[in-house]
Amino acid sequence: MSAKFIIKKDKSGQYRFNLKAGNGEIIATSESYTSKAGCKNGIESVKKNAPVAEIVDESDD
C-alpha cells in the first residue's frame, strides 16, 4: 500500500488531513481549514513543496 492523504471533518466542523504511510501509520497532520477546498489546497502544497523542503535540526543532540 502506498502513502495517502485522508481528509476528515473534526467536531467543530473544520477540515483536516492526515498523511498516512504505506504501513497505515500517520506521519503528518495538518492545521484546520474552514473549507474542504482549502484542505485540498493544503494537500497540494505539501505535495509540491515537500520534495524540496529544507531540513532544520533544532534538537539539542
C-alpha atoms as a PDB file:
ATOM      1  CA  MET A   1       0.000   0.000   0.000  1.00  0.00           C
ATOM      2  CA  SER A   2       1.323   3.473  -0.808  1.00  0.00           C
ATOM      3  CA  ALA A   3       1.034   6.689   1.193  1.00  0.00           C
ATOM      4  CA  LYS A   4      -2.274   8.531   1.117  1.00  0.00           C
ATOM      5  CA  PHE A   5      -3.872  11.760   2.291  1.00  0.00           C
ATOM      6  CA  ILE A   6      -7.033  11.311   4.376  1.00  0.00           C
ATOM      7  CA  ILE A   7      -9.432  14.283   4.708  1.00  0.00           C
ATOM      8  CA  LYS A   8     -11.662  14.389   7.784  1.00  0.00           C
ATOM      9  CA  LYS A   9     -14.089  16.845   9.340  1.00  0.00           C
ATOM     10  CA  ASP A  10     -13.483  17.482  13.051  1.00  0.00           C
ATOM     11  CA  LYS A  11     -16.018  18.097  15.843  1.00  0.00           C
ATOM     12  CA  SER A  12     -16.005  21.858  15.222  1.00  0.00           C
ATOM     13  CA  GLY A  13     -16.800  21.437  11.516  1.00  0.00           C
ATOM     14  CA  GLN A  14     -13.261  22.199  10.335  1.00  0.00           C
ATOM     15  CA  TYR A  15     -11.404  20.083   7.784  1.00  0.00           C
ATOM     16  CA  ARG A  16      -8.019  18.461   8.429  1.00  0.00           C
ATOM     17  CA  PHE A  17      -5.876  15.948   6.630  1.00  0.00           C
ATOM     18  CA  ASN A  18      -3.578  13.203   7.768  1.00  0.00           C
ATOM     19  CA  LEU A  19      -0.803  11.784   5.655  1.00  0.00           C
ATOM     20  CA  LYS A  20      -0.590   8.037   6.189  1.00  0.00           C
ATOM     21  CA  ALA A  21       2.452   5.975   5.270  1.00  0.00           C
ATOM     22  CA  GLY A  22       2.159   2.744   3.343  1.00  0.00           C
ATOM     23  CA  ASN A  23       2.001   0.809   6.620  1.00  0.00           C
ATOM     24  CA  GLY A  24      -1.018   2.855   7.788  1.00  0.00           C
ATOM     25  CA  GLU A  25       0.881   4.961  10.313  1.00  0.00           C
ATOM     26  CA  ILE A  26       0.012   8.682  10.439  1.00  0.00           C
ATOM     27  CA  ILE A  27       3.177  10.606   9.609  1.00  0.00           C
ATOM     28  CA  ALA A  28       1.743  14.128   9.314  1.00  0.00           C
ATOM     29  CA  THR A  29      -1.342  16.021  10.472  1.00  0.00           C
ATOM     30  CA  SER A  30      -2.480  19.346   9.047  1.00  0.00           C
ATOM     31  CA  GLU A  31      -3.784  22.523  10.574  1.00  0.00           C
ATOM     32  CA  SER A  32      -7.549  23.049  10.416  1.00  0.00           C
ATOM     33  CA  TYR A  33      -9.246  24.520   7.356  1.00  0.00           C
ATOM     34  CA  THR A  34     -12.677  26.145   7.127  1.00  0.00           C
ATOM     35  CA  SER A  35     -13.428  24.541   3.757  1.00  0.00           C
ATOM     36  CA  LYS A  36     -12.723  21.258   2.035  1.00  0.00           C
ATOM     37  CA  ALA A  37     -11.264  23.216  -0.901  1.00  0.00           C
ATOM     38  CA  GLY A  38      -8.780  24.893   1.471  1.00  0.00           C
ATOM     39  CA  CYS A  39      -7.848  21.494   2.873  1.00  0.00           C
ATOM     40  CA  LYS A  40      -7.242  20.139  -0.633  1.00  0.00           C
ATOM     41  CA  ASN A  41      -5.071  23.184  -1.380  1.00  0.00           C
ATOM     42  CA  GLY A  42      -3.050  22.353   1.743  1.00  0.00           C
ATOM     43  CA  ILE A  43      -2.514  18.825   0.458  1.00  0.00           C
ATOM     44  CA  GLU A  44      -1.365  20.154  -2.912  1.00  0.00           C
ATOM     45  CA  SER A  45       1.065  22.488  -1.150  1.00  0.00           C
ATOM     46  CA  VAL A  46       2.606  19.586   0.788  1.00  0.00           C
ATOM     47  CA  LYS A  47       2.864  17.501  -2.371  1.00  0.00           C
ATOM     48  CA  LYS A  48       4.546  20.356  -4.224  1.00  0.00           C
ATOM     49  CA  ASN A  49       6.899  21.651  -1.525  1.00  0.00           C
ATOM     50  CA  ALA A  50       7.902  18.576   0.494  1.00  0.00           C
ATOM     51  CA  PRO A  51      10.402  17.178  -2.034  1.00  0.00           C
ATOM     52  CA  VAL A  52      12.440  20.390  -1.876  1.00  0.00           C
ATOM     53  CA  ALA A  53      11.840  21.345   1.767  1.00  0.00           C
ATOM     54  CA  GLU A  54      14.910  22.187   3.830  1.00  0.00           C
ATOM     55  CA  ILE A  55      15.620  20.080   6.929  1.00  0.00           C
ATOM     56  CA  VAL A  56      16.283  22.214  10.005  1.00  0.00           C
ATOM     57  CA  ASP A  57      17.518  20.314  13.067  1.00  0.00           C
ATOM     58  CA  GLU A  58      16.803  22.251  16.254  1.00  0.00           C
ATOM     59  CA  SER A  59      17.396  19.324  18.595  1.00  0.00           C
ATOM     60  CA  ASP A  60      19.960  19.512  21.357  1.00  0.00           C
ATOM     61  CA  ASP A  61      21.722  16.268  20.472  1.00  0.00           C
END
